[in-house]
């Protein structure tokens, strides 16, 4: 039995959480973003910038690259979600700078 067959046979599926991207899933499941290309390959995707749907299942199942990081996330039930939504992007682009800062809140004076 080939190694590829064994790997594919043991694959599981997960559903991404809101605001998760492919890097977040790689970190959560494999402990490193270095496995992002394996994750893309397993899911027949080829673009790291494509958004991931919360309705789409992703195949996982390869061995964790950094098991201590995976254990850290699992033990604390953490799911990294670093994608920015369109509304947040709009606010950052249009409402930032000194005009929108509040003294002692986001504009700190020492």
PDB file of N, CA and C in Angstrom:
ATOM      1  N   UNK A   1       0.853  -1.172   0.000  1.00  0.00           N
ATOM      2  CA  UNK A   1       0.000   0.000   0.000  1.00  0.00           C
ATOM      3  C   UNK A   1       0.900   1.237   0.000  1.00  0.00           C
ATOM      4  N   UNK A   2       0.625   2.162  -0.899  1.00  0.00           N
ATOM      5  CA  UNK A   2       1.479   3.351  -1.009  1.00  0.00           C
ATOM      6  C   UNK A   2       1.205   4.326   0.128  1.00  0.00           C
ATOM      7  N   UNK A   3       2.192   5.184   0.349  1.00  0.00           N
ATOM      8  CA  UNK A   3       2.091   6.187   1.421  1.00  0.00           C
ATOM      9  C   UNK A   3       0.983   7.187   1.119  1.00  0.00           C
ATOM     10  N   UNK A   4       0.809   7.525  -0.148  1.00  0.00           N
ATOM     11  CA  UNK A   4      -0.239   8.482  -0.522  1.00  0.00           C
ATOM     12  C   UNK A   4      -1.607   7.911  -0.181  1.00  0.00           C
ATOM     13  N   UNK A   5      -1.829   6.645  -0.481  1.00  0.00           N
ATOM     14  CA  UNK A   5      -3.108   6.016  -0.173  1.00  0.00           C
ATOM     15  C   UNK A   5      -3.374   6.011   1.324  1.00  0.00           C
ATOM     16  N   UNK A   6      -2.355   5.691   2.117  1.00  0.00           N
ATOM     17  CA  UNK A   6      -2.510   5.691   3.573  1.00  0.00           C
ATOM     18  C   UNK A   6      -2.864   7.086   4.066  1.00  0.00           C
ATOM     19  N   UNK A   7      -2.194   8.103   3.518  1.00  0.00           N
ATOM     20  CA  UNK A   7      -2.456   9.472   3.944  1.00  0.00           C
ATOM     21  C   UNK A   7      -3.882   9.883   3.606  1.00  0.00           C
ATOM     22  N   UNK A   8      -4.316   9.605   2.389  1.00  0.00           N
ATOM     23  CA  UNK A   8      -5.658   9.996   1.975  1.00  0.00           C
ATOM     24  C   UNK A   8      -6.733   9.212   2.713  1.00  0.00           C
ATOM     25  N   UNK A   9      -6.458   7.952   3.017  1.00  0.00           N
ATOM     26  CA  UNK A   9      -7.442   7.129   3.707  1.00  0.00           C
ATOM     27  C   UNK A   9      -7.713   7.646   5.123  1.00  0.00           C
ATOM     28  N   UNK A  10      -6.715   8.221   5.782  1.00  0.00           N
ATOM     29  CA  UNK A  10      -6.885   8.678   7.153  1.00  0.00           C
ATOM     30  C   UNK A  10      -7.346  10.141   7.243  1.00  0.00           C
ATOM     31  N   UNK A  11      -7.708  10.735   6.122  1.00  0.00           N
ATOM     32  CA  UNK A  11      -8.130  12.129   6.116  1.00  0.00           C
ATOM     33  C   UNK A  11      -9.455  12.299   6.847  1.00  0.00           C
ATOM     34  N   UNK A  12      -9.556  13.386   7.561  1.00  0.00           N
ATOM     35  CA  UNK A  12     -10.797  13.798   8.216  1.00  0.00           C
ATOM     36  C   UNK A  12     -11.225  15.103   7.574  1.00  0.00           C
ATOM     37  N   UNK A  13     -12.389  15.593   7.935  1.00  0.00           N
ATOM     38  CA  UNK A  13     -12.821  16.892   7.439  1.00  0.00           C
ATOM     39  C   UNK A  13     -13.182  17.791   8.616  1.00  0.00           C
ATOM     40  N   UNK A  14     -12.972  19.080   8.405  1.00  0.00           N
ATOM     41  CA  UNK A  14     -13.367  20.092   9.391  1.00  0.00           C
ATOM     42  C   UNK A  14     -14.080  21.213   8.654  1.00  0.00           C
ATOM     43  N   UNK A  15     -14.854  21.973   9.400  1.00  0.00           N
ATOM     44  CA  UNK A  15     -15.483  23.167   8.840  1.00  0.00           C
ATOM     45  C   UNK A  15     -14.778  24.381   9.439  1.00  0.00           C
ATOM     46  N   UNK A  16     -14.296  25.270   8.586  1.00  0.00           N
ATOM     47  CA  UNK A  16     -13.649  26.477   9.102  1.00  0.00           C
ATOM     48  C   UNK A  16     -14.629  27.347   9.874  1.00  0.00           C
ATOM     49  N   UNK A  17     -14.103  28.089  10.813  1.00  0.00           N
ATOM     50  CA  UNK A  17     -14.904  29.040  11.571  1.00  0.00           C
ATOM     51  C   UNK A  17     -14.931  30.371  10.818  1.00  0.00           C
ATOM     52  N   UNK A  18     -15.827  31.243  11.207  1.00  0.00           N
ATOM     53  CA  UNK A  18     -15.914  32.558  10.582  1.00  0.00           C
ATOM     54  C   UNK A  18     -14.583  33.300  10.743  1.00  0.00           C
ATOM     55  N   UNK A  19     -14.153  33.971   9.711  1.00  0.00           N
ATOM     56  CA  UNK A  19     -12.919  34.769   9.650  1.00  0.00           C
ATOM     57  C   UNK A  19     -11.642  33.938   9.653  1.00  0.00           C
ATOM     58  N   UNK A  20     -11.732  32.641   9.444  1.00  0.00           N
ATOM     59  CA  UNK A  20     -10.518  31.839   9.324  1.00  0.00           C
ATOM     60  C   UNK A  20     -10.066  31.807   7.872  1.00  0.00           C
ATOM     61  N   UNK A  21      -8.763  31.848   7.678  1.00  0.00           N
ATOM     62  CA  UNK A  21      -8.202  31.689   6.342  1.00  0.00           C
ATOM     63  C   UNK A  21      -7.355  30.419   6.315  1.00  0.00           C
ATOM     64  N   UNK A  22      -6.755  30.128   5.188  1.00  0.00           N
ATOM     65  CA  UNK A  22      -6.017  28.886   5.031  1.00  0.00           C
ATOM     66  C   UNK A  22      -4.807  28.827   5.971  1.00  0.00           C
ATOM     67  N   UNK A  23      -4.228  29.968   6.285  1.00  0.00           N
ATOM     68  CA  UNK A  23      -3.100  30.008   7.216  1.00  0.00           C
ATOM     69  C   UNK A  23      -3.546  29.682   8.643  1.00  0.00           C
ATOM     70  N   UNK A  24      -4.718  30.183   9.025  1.00  0.00           N
ATOM     71  CA  UNK A  24      -5.270  29.878  10.355  1.00  0.00           C
ATOM     72  C   UNK A  24      -5.522  28.385  10.508  1.00  0.00           C
ATOM     73  N   UNK A  25      -6.087  27.762   9.475  1.00  0.00           N
ATOM     74  CA  UNK A  25      -6.369  26.326   9.525  1.00  0.00           C
ATOM     75  C   UNK A  25      -5.063  25.542   9.616  1.00  0.00           C
ATOM     76  N   UNK A  26      -4.071  25.947   8.849  1.00  0.00           N
ATOM     77  CA  UNK A  26      -2.774  25.274   8.884  1.00  0.00           C
ATOM     78  C   UNK A  26      -2.145  25.369  10.274  1.00  0.00           C
ATOM     79  N   UNK A  27      -2.220  26.528  10.876  1.00  0.00           N
ATOM     80  CA  UNK A  27      -1.685  26.722  12.225  1.00  0.00           C
ATOM     81  C   UNK A  27      -2.462  25.898  13.246  1.00  0.00           C
ATOM     82  N   UNK A  28      -3.762  25.903  13.147  1.00  0.00           N
ATOM     83  CA  UNK A  28      -4.628  25.179  14.086  1.00  0.00           C
ATOM     84  C   UNK A  28      -4.440  23.664  13.989  1.00  0.00           C
ATOM     85  N   UNK A  29      -4.347  23.139  12.789  1.00  0.00           N
ATOM     86  CA  UNK A  29      -4.317  21.692  12.598  1.00  0.00           C
ATOM     87  C   UNK A  29      -2.917  21.090  12.537  1.00  0.00           C
ATOM     88  N   UNK A  30      -1.924  21.885  12.078  1.00  0.00           N
ATOM     89  CA  UNK A  30      -0.574  21.352  11.894  1.00  0.00           C
ATOM     90  C   UNK A  30       0.484  22.062  12.722  1.00  0.00           C
ATOM     91  N   UNK A  31       0.108  23.156  13.389  1.00  0.00           N
ATOM     92  CA  UNK A  31       1.040  23.842  14.266  1.00  0.00           C
ATOM     93  C   UNK A  31       1.977  24.804  13.569  1.00  0.00           C
ATOM     94  N   UNK A  32       1.795  25.002  12.276  1.00  0.00           N
ATOM     95  CA  UNK A  32       2.688  25.883  11.526  1.00  0.00           C
ATOM     96  C   UNK A  32       2.045  26.254  10.195  1.00  0.00           C
ATOM     97  N   UNK A  33       2.360  27.445   9.729  1.00  0.00           N
ATOM     98  CA  UNK A  33       1.871  27.820   8.397  1.00  0.00           C
ATOM     99  C   UNK A  33       2.710  27.171   7.303  1.00  0.00           C
ATOM    100  N   UNK A  34       3.779  26.492   7.692  1.00  0.00           N
ATOM    101  CA  UNK A  34       4.619  25.801   6.708  1.00  0.00           C
ATOM    102  C   UNK A  34       3.873  24.668   6.019  1.00  0.00           C
ATOM    103  N   UNK A  35       2.793  24.192   6.590  1.00  0.00           N
ATOM    104  CA  UNK A  35       2.018  23.096   6.002  1.00  0.00           C
ATOM    105  C   UNK A  35       0.863  23.603   5.129  1.00  0.00           C
ATOM    106  N   UNK A  36       0.814  24.897   4.884  1.00  0.00           N
ATOM    107  CA  UNK A  36      -0.299  25.461   4.128  1.00  0.00           C
ATOM    108  C   UNK A  36      -0.367  24.886   2.714  1.00  0.00           C
ATOM    109  N   UNK A  37       0.758  24.606   2.094  1.00  0.00           N
ATOM    110  CA  UNK A  37       0.730  24.058   0.736  1.00  0.00           C
ATOM    111  C   UNK A  37       0.252  22.612   0.714  1.00  0.00           C
ATOM    112  N   UNK A  38       0.557  21.856   1.762  1.00  0.00           N
ATOM    113  CA  UNK A  38       0.006  20.499   1.878  1.00  0.00           C
ATOM    114  C   UNK A  38      -1.514  20.561   2.041  1.00  0.00           C
ATOM    115  N   UNK A  39      -1.980  21.507   2.826  1.00  0.00           N
ATOM    116  CA  UNK A  39      -3.411  21.686   3.041  1.00  0.00           C
ATOM    117  C   UNK A  39      -4.112  22.060   1.732  1.00  0.00           C
ATOM    118  N   UNK A  40      -3.503  22.948   0.971  1.00  0.00           N
ATOM    119  CA  UNK A  40      -4.064  23.323  -0.331  1.00  0.00           C
ATOM    120  C   UNK A  40      -4.098  22.129  -1.279  1.00  0.00           C
ATOM    121  N   UNK A  41      -3.021  21.363  -1.296  1.00  0.00           N
ATOM    122  CA  UNK A  41      -2.941  20.192  -2.163  1.00  0.00           C
ATOM    123  C   UNK A  41      -4.013  19.158  -1.800  1.00  0.00           C
ATOM    124  N   UNK A  42      -4.186  18.903  -0.515  1.00  0.00           N
ATOM    125  CA  UNK A  42      -5.171  17.914  -0.070  1.00  0.00           C
ATOM    126  C   UNK A  42      -6.596  18.322  -0.420  1.00  0.00           C
ATOM    127  N   UNK A  43      -6.817  19.620  -0.569  1.00  0.00           N
ATOM    128  CA  UNK A  43      -8.164  20.121  -0.848  1.00  0.00           C
ATOM    129  C   UNK A  43      -8.337  20.610  -2.281  1.00  0.00           C
ATOM    130  N   UNK A  44      -7.395  20.257  -3.148  1.00  0.00           N
ATOM    131  CA  UNK A  44      -7.453  20.632  -4.563  1.00  0.00           C
ATOM    132  C   UNK A  44      -7.647  22.130  -4.769  1.00  0.00           C
ATOM    133  N   UNK A  45      -6.973  22.908  -3.952  1.00  0.00           N
ATOM    134  CA  UNK A  45      -6.991  24.359  -4.097  1.00  0.00           C
ATOM    135  C   UNK A  45      -5.581  24.798  -4.451  1.00  0.00           C
ATOM    136  N   UNK A  46      -5.480  25.892  -5.176  1.00  0.00           N
ATOM    137  CA  UNK A  46      -4.173  26.317  -5.628  1.00  0.00           C
ATOM    138  C   UNK A  46      -3.881  27.782  -5.350  1.00  0.00           C
ATOM    139  N   UNK A  47      -4.776  28.467  -4.689  1.00  0.00           N
ATOM    140  CA  UNK A  47      -4.589  29.890  -4.442  1.00  0.00           C
ATOM    141  C   UNK A  47      -4.677  30.163  -2.941  1.00  0.00           C
ATOM    142  N   UNK A  48      -3.588  30.639  -2.362  1.00  0.00           N
ATOM    143  CA  UNK A  48      -3.575  30.871  -0.916  1.00  0.00           C
ATOM    144  C   UNK A  48      -4.376  32.097  -0.504  1.00  0.00           C
ATOM    145  N   UNK A  49      -4.765  32.937  -1.468  1.00  0.00           N
ATOM    146  CA  UNK A  49      -5.510  34.146  -1.120  1.00  0.00           C
ATOM    147  C   UNK A  49      -7.018  33.981  -1.247  1.00  0.00           C
ATOM    148  N   UNK A  50      -7.470  32.832  -1.743  1.00  0.00           N
ATOM    149  CA  UNK A  50      -8.920  32.603  -1.841  1.00  0.00           C
ATOM    150  C   UNK A  50      -9.539  32.536  -0.449  1.00  0.00           C
ATOM    151  N   UNK A  51     -10.729  33.103  -0.331  1.00  0.00           N
ATOM    152  CA  UNK A  51     -11.464  33.015   0.933  1.00  0.00           C
ATOM    153  C   UNK A  51     -11.976  31.595   1.126  1.00  0.00           C
ATOM    154  N   UNK A  52     -12.091  31.210   2.385  1.00  0.00           N
ATOM    155  CA  UNK A  52     -12.612  29.892   2.728  1.00  0.00           C
ATOM    156  C   UNK A  52     -14.036  30.076   3.235  1.00  0.00           C
ATOM    157  N   UNK A  53     -14.930  29.276   2.734  1.00  0.00           N
ATOM    158  CA  UNK A  53     -16.326  29.343   3.153  1.00  0.00           C
ATOM    159  C   UNK A  53     -16.531  28.533   4.431  1.00  0.00           C
ATOM    160  N   UNK A  54     -17.366  29.050   5.317  1.00  0.00           N
ATOM    161  CA  UNK A  54     -17.696  28.309   6.536  1.00  0.00           C
ATOM    162  C   UNK A  54     -18.595  27.114   6.224  1.00  0.00           C
ATOM    163  N   UNK A  55     -19.130  27.068   5.014  1.00  0.00           N
ATOM    164  CA  UNK A  55     -19.996  25.964   4.604  1.00  0.00           C
ATOM    165  C   UNK A  55     -19.216  24.866   3.884  1.00  0.00           C
ATOM    166  N   UNK A  56     -17.958  25.118   3.614  1.00  0.00           N
ATOM    167  CA  UNK A  56     -17.113  24.185   2.879  1.00  0.00           C
ATOM    168  C   UNK A  56     -16.286  23.357   3.860  1.00  0.00           C
ATOM    169  N   UNK A  57     -16.263  22.067   3.657  1.00  0.00           N
ATOM    170  CA  UNK A  57     -15.441  21.211   4.514  1.00  0.00           C
ATOM    171  C   UNK A  57     -14.044  21.106   3.932  1.00  0.00           C
ATOM    172  N   UNK A  58     -13.050  21.123   4.818  1.00  0.00           N
ATOM    173  CA  UNK A  58     -11.656  20.984   4.404  1.00  0.00           C
ATOM    174  C   UNK A  58     -11.119  19.648   4.878  1.00  0.00           C
ATOM    175  N   UNK A  59     -10.335  19.013   4.036  1.00  0.00           N
ATOM    176  CA  UNK A  59      -9.708  17.744   4.404  1.00  0.00           C
ATOM    177  C   UNK A  59      -8.442  18.024   5.196  1.00  0.00           C
ATOM    178  N   UNK A  60      -8.307  17.326   6.298  1.00  0.00           N
ATOM    179  CA  UNK A  60      -7.089  17.389   7.112  1.00  0.00           C
ATOM    180  C   UNK A  60      -6.712  15.961   7.474  1.00  0.00           C
ATOM    181  N   UNK A  61      -5.542  15.760   8.007  1.00  0.00           N
ATOM    182  CA  UNK A  61      -5.203  14.420   8.437  1.00  0.00           C
ATOM    183  C   UNK A  61      -3.731  14.100   8.373  1.00  0.00           C
ATOM    184  N   UNK A  62      -2.951  14.994   7.817  1.00  0.00           N
ATOM    185  CA  UNK A  62      -1.511  14.753   7.825  1.00  0.00           C
ATOM    186  C   UNK A  62      -0.987  14.926   9.238  1.00  0.00           C
ATOM    187  N   UNK A  63       0.197  14.424   9.468  1.00  0.00           N
ATOM    188  CA  UNK A  63       0.800  14.521  10.798  1.00  0.00           C
ATOM    189  C   UNK A  63       1.125  15.977  11.128  1.00  0.00           C
ATOM    190  N   UNK A  64       0.896  16.351  12.370  1.00  0.00           N
ATOM    191  CA  UNK A  64       1.186  17.715  12.814  1.00  0.00           C
ATOM    192  C   UNK A  64       2.675  18.007  12.685  1.00  0.00           C
ATOM    193  N   UNK A  65       2.994  19.187  12.207  1.00  0.00           N
ATOM    194  CA  UNK A  65       4.378  19.606  12.031  1.00  0.00           C
ATOM    195  C   UNK A  65       4.993  20.003  13.375  1.00  0.00           C
ATOM    196  N   UNK A  66       4.235  20.756  14.154  1.00  0.00           N
ATOM    197  CA  UNK A  66       4.671  21.176  15.493  1.00  0.00           C
ATOM    198  C   UNK A  66       3.558  20.794  16.472  1.00  0.00           C
ATOM    199  N   UNK A  67       3.694  19.620  17.034  1.00  0.00           N
ATOM    200  CA  UNK A  67       2.640  19.055  17.879  1.00  0.00           C
ATOM    201  C   UNK A  67       2.369  19.880  19.126  1.00  0.00           C
ATOM    202  N   UNK A  68       3.390  20.527  19.678  1.00  0.00           N
ATOM    203  CA  UNK A  68       3.186  21.328  20.889  1.00  0.00           C
ATOM    204  C   UNK A  68       2.252  22.504  20.632  1.00  0.00           C
ATOM    205  N   UNK A  69       2.330  23.088  19.452  1.00  0.00           N
ATOM    206  CA  UNK A  69       1.444  24.213  19.124  1.00  0.00           C
ATOM    207  C   UNK A  69       0.018  23.717  18.923  1.00  0.00           C
ATOM    208  N   UNK A  70      -0.135  22.577  18.249  1.00  0.00           N
ATOM    209  CA  UNK A  70      -1.466  21.985  18.057  1.00  0.00           C
ATOM    210  C   UNK A  70      -2.082  21.644  19.411  1.00  0.00           C
ATOM    211  N   UNK A  71      -1.311  21.064  20.302  1.00  0.00           N
ATOM    212  CA  UNK A  71      -1.806  20.735  21.642  1.00  0.00           C
ATOM    213  C   UNK A  71      -2.202  21.987  22.410  1.00  0.00           C
ATOM    214  N   UNK A  72      -1.423  23.064  22.262  1.00  0.00           N
ATOM    215  CA  UNK A  72      -1.740  24.337  22.920  1.00  0.00           C
ATOM    216  C   UNK A  72      -3.117  24.838  22.469  1.00  0.00           C
ATOM    217  N   UNK A  73      -3.333  24.873  21.158  1.00  0.00           N
ATOM    218  CA  UNK A  73      -4.624  25.327  20.630  1.00  0.00           C
ATOM    219  C   UNK A  73      -5.759  24.413  21.071  1.00  0.00           C
ATOM    220  N   UNK A  74      -5.552  23.101  20.990  1.00  0.00           N
ATOM    221  CA  UNK A  74      -6.609  22.153  21.361  1.00  0.00           C
ATOM    222  C   UNK A  74      -6.946  22.204  22.847  1.00  0.00           C
ATOM    223  N   UNK A  75      -5.940  22.302  23.696  1.00  0.00           N
ATOM    224  CA  UNK A  75      -6.195  22.309  25.141  1.00  0.00           C
ATOM    225  C   UNK A  75      -6.948  23.552  25.588  1.00  0.00           C
ATOM    226  N   UNK A  76      -6.781  24.655  24.876  1.00  0.00           N
ATOM    227  CA  UNK A  76      -7.465  25.905  25.223  1.00  0.00           C
ATOM    228  C   UNK A  76      -8.682  26.176  24.335  1.00  0.00           C
ATOM    229  N   UNK A  77      -8.965  25.213  23.447  1.00  0.00           N
ATOM    230  CA  UNK A  77     -10.084  25.331  22.505  1.00  0.00           C
ATOM    231  C   UNK A  77     -10.001  26.624  21.700  1.00  0.00           C
ATOM    232  N   UNK A  78      -8.794  26.950  21.251  1.00  0.00           N
ATOM    233  CA  UNK A  78      -8.565  28.148  20.457  1.00  0.00           C
ATOM    234  C   UNK A  78      -8.639  27.818  18.973  1.00  0.00           C
ATOM    235  N   UNK A  79      -9.226  28.723  18.223  1.00  0.00           N
ATOM    236  CA  UNK A  79      -9.287  28.602  16.766  1.00  0.00           C
ATOM    237  C   UNK A  79      -8.909  29.961  16.197  1.00  0.00           C
ATOM    238  N   UNK A  80      -7.666  30.083  15.696  1.00  0.00           N
ATOM    239  CA  UNK A  80      -7.233  31.387  15.172  1.00  0.00           C
ATOM    240  C   UNK A  80      -8.116  31.813  14.000  1.00  0.00           C
ATOM    241  N   UNK A  81      -8.464  33.089  13.969  1.00  0.00           N
ATOM    242  CA  UNK A  81      -9.296  33.644  12.898  1.00  0.00           C
ATOM    243  C   UNK A  81      -8.808  35.058  12.616  1.00  0.00           C
ATOM    244  N   UNK A  82      -7.914  35.183  11.662  1.00  0.00           N
ATOM    245  CA  UNK A  82      -7.256  36.460  11.426  1.00  0.00           C
ATOM    246  C   UNK A  82      -7.688  37.167  10.153  1.00  0.00           C
ATOM    247  N   UNK A  83      -8.658  36.624   9.424  1.00  0.00           N
ATOM    248  CA  UNK A  83      -9.127  37.292   8.207  1.00  0.00           C
ATOM    249  C   UNK A  83      -9.876  38.557   8.573  1.00  0.00           C
ATOM    250  N   UNK A  84      -9.777  39.514   7.711  1.00  0.00           N
ATOM    251  CA  UNK A  84     -10.465  40.778   7.930  1.00  0.00           C
ATOM    252  C   UNK A  84     -11.681  40.814   7.010  1.00  0.00           C
ATOM    253  N   UNK A  85     -12.807  41.228   7.547  1.00  0.00           N
ATOM    254  CA  UNK A  85     -14.026  41.284   6.739  1.00  0.00           C
ATOM    255  C   UNK A  85     -14.093  42.634   6.026  1.00  0.00           C
ATOM    256  N   UNK A  86     -14.956  42.735   5.038  1.00  0.00           N
ATOM    257  CA  UNK A  86     -15.062  43.946   4.219  1.00  0.00           C
ATOM    258  C   UNK A  86     -15.383  45.181   5.059  1.00  0.00           C
ATOM    259  N   UNK A  87     -16.257  45.028   6.047  1.00  0.00           N
ATOM    260  CA  UNK A  87     -16.630  46.175   6.896  1.00  0.00           C
ATOM    261  C   UNK A  87     -15.426  46.683   7.684  1.00  0.00           C
ATOM    262  N   UNK A  88     -14.634  45.768   8.239  1.00  0.00           N
ATOM    263  CA  UNK A  88     -13.439  46.172   8.979  1.00  0.00           C
ATOM    264  C   UNK A  88     -12.425  46.839   8.063  1.00  0.00           C
ATOM    265  N   UNK A  89     -12.282  46.322   6.862  1.00  0.00           N
ATOM    266  CA  UNK A  89     -11.360  46.915   5.893  1.00  0.00           C
ATOM    267  C   UNK A  89     -11.797  48.327   5.534  1.00  0.00           C
ATOM    268  N   UNK A  90     -13.089  48.518   5.337  1.00  0.00           N
ATOM    269  CA  UNK A  90     -13.628  49.843   5.033  1.00  0.00           C
ATOM    270  C   UNK A  90     -13.341  50.821   6.175  1.00  0.00           C
ATOM    271  N   UNK A  91     -13.593  50.384   7.405  1.00  0.00           N
ATOM    272  CA  UNK A  91     -13.358  51.253   8.557  1.00  0.00           C
ATOM    273  C   UNK A  91     -11.881  51.618   8.698  1.00  0.00           C
ATOM    274  N   UNK A  92     -11.005  50.654   8.468  1.00  0.00           N
ATOM    275  CA  UNK A  92      -9.573  50.919   8.568  1.00  0.00           C
ATOM    276  C   UNK A  92      -9.098  51.892   7.499  1.00  0.00           C
ATOM    277  N   UNK A  93      -9.630  51.767   6.293  1.00  0.00           N
ATOM    278  CA  UNK A  93      -9.212  52.622   5.199  1.00  0.00           C
ATOM    279  C   UNK A  93      -9.769  54.032   5.324  1.00  0.00           C
ATOM    280  N   UNK A  94     -10.980  54.180   5.858  1.00  0.00           N
ATOM    281  CA  UNK A  94     -11.656  55.476   5.832  1.00  0.00           C
ATOM    282  C   UNK A  94     -11.708  56.216   7.168  1.00  0.00           C
ATOM    283  N   UNK A  95     -11.518  55.512   8.259  1.00  0.00           N
ATOM    284  CA  UNK A  95     -11.658  56.153   9.553  1.00  0.00           C
ATOM    285  C   UNK A  95     -10.454  55.869  10.436  1.00  0.00           C
ATOM    286  N   UNK A  96      -9.310  56.292  10.002  1.00  0.00           N
ATOM    287  CA  UNK A  96      -8.113  56.096  10.806  1.00  0.00           C
ATOM    288  C   UNK A  96      -7.297  57.382  10.799  1.00  0.00           C
ATOM    289  N   UNK A  97      -6.329  57.423  11.656  1.00  0.00           N
ATOM    290  CA  UNK A  97      -5.484  58.604  11.741  1.00  0.00           C
ATOM    291  C   UNK A  97      -5.826  59.449  12.946  1.00  0.00           C
ATOM    292  N   UNK A  98      -5.160  60.544  13.046  1.00  0.00           N
ATOM    293  CA  UNK A  98      -5.261  61.415  14.222  1.00  0.00           C
ATOM    294  C   UNK A  98      -6.676  61.981  14.395  1.00  0.00           C
ATOM    295  N   UNK A  99      -7.425  62.183  13.310  1.00  0.00           N
ATOM    296  CA  UNK A  99      -8.783  62.741  13.406  1.00  0.00           C
ATOM    297  C   UNK A  99      -9.747  61.829  14.150  1.00  0.00           C
ATOM    298  N   UNK A 100      -9.453  60.535  14.161  1.00  0.00           N
ATOM    299  CA  UNK A 100     -10.390  59.581  14.746  1.00  0.00           C
ATOM    300  C   UNK A 100      -9.859  58.942  16.021  1.00  0.00           C
ATOM    301  N   UNK A 101      -8.779  59.447  16.542  1.00  0.00           N
ATOM    302  CA  UNK A 101      -8.211  58.896  17.766  1.00  0.00           C
ATOM    303  C   UNK A 101      -8.762  59.625  18.983  1.00  0.00           C
ATOM    304  N   UNK A 102      -8.869  58.893  20.062  1.00  0.00           N
ATOM    305  CA  UNK A 102      -9.353  59.452  21.318  1.00  0.00           C
ATOM    306  C   UNK A 102      -8.188  59.432  22.297  1.00  0.00           C
ATOM    307  N   UNK A 103      -7.921  60.581  22.902  1.00  0.00           N
ATOM    308  CA  UNK A 103      -6.812  60.677  23.858  1.00  0.00           C
ATOM    309  C   UNK A 103      -7.056  59.720  25.011  1.00  0.00           C
ATOM    310  N   UNK A 104      -6.012  58.992  25.385  1.00  0.00           N
ATOM    311  CA  UNK A 104      -5.993  57.992  26.451  1.00  0.00           C
ATOM    312  C   UNK A 104      -6.759  56.716  26.100  1.00  0.00           C
ATOM    313  N   UNK A 105      -7.297  56.623  24.897  1.00  0.00           N
ATOM    314  CA  UNK A 105      -7.942  55.383  24.471  1.00  0.00           C
ATOM    315  C   UNK A 105      -7.072  54.707  23.421  1.00  0.00           C
ATOM    316  N   UNK A 106      -6.995  55.280  22.241  1.00  0.00           N
ATOM    317  CA  UNK A 106      -6.108  54.732  21.221  1.00  0.00           C
ATOM    318  C   UNK A 106      -5.004  55.716  20.820  1.00  0.00           C
ATOM    319  N   UNK A 107      -5.005  56.855  21.428  1.00  0.00           N
ATOM    320  CA  UNK A 107      -3.929  57.837  21.256  1.00  0.00           C
ATOM    321  C   UNK A 107      -3.331  58.078  22.642  1.00  0.00           C
ATOM    322  N   UNK A 108      -2.237  57.416  22.931  1.00  0.00           N
ATOM    323  CA  UNK A 108      -1.648  57.440  24.262  1.00  0.00           C
ATOM    324  C   UNK A 108      -0.592  58.553  24.351  1.00  0.00           C
ATOM    325  N   UNK A 109      -0.713  59.342  25.409  1.00  0.00           N
ATOM    326  CA  UNK A 109       0.252  60.421  25.665  1.00  0.00           C
ATOM    327  C   UNK A 109       1.070  60.021  26.893  1.00  0.00           C
ATOM    328  N   UNK A 110       2.378  60.075  26.749  1.00  0.00           N
ATOM    329  CA  UNK A 110       3.260  59.722  27.869  1.00  0.00           C
ATOM    330  C   UNK A 110       3.854  60.952  28.486  1.00  0.00           C
TER     331      UNK A 110
END
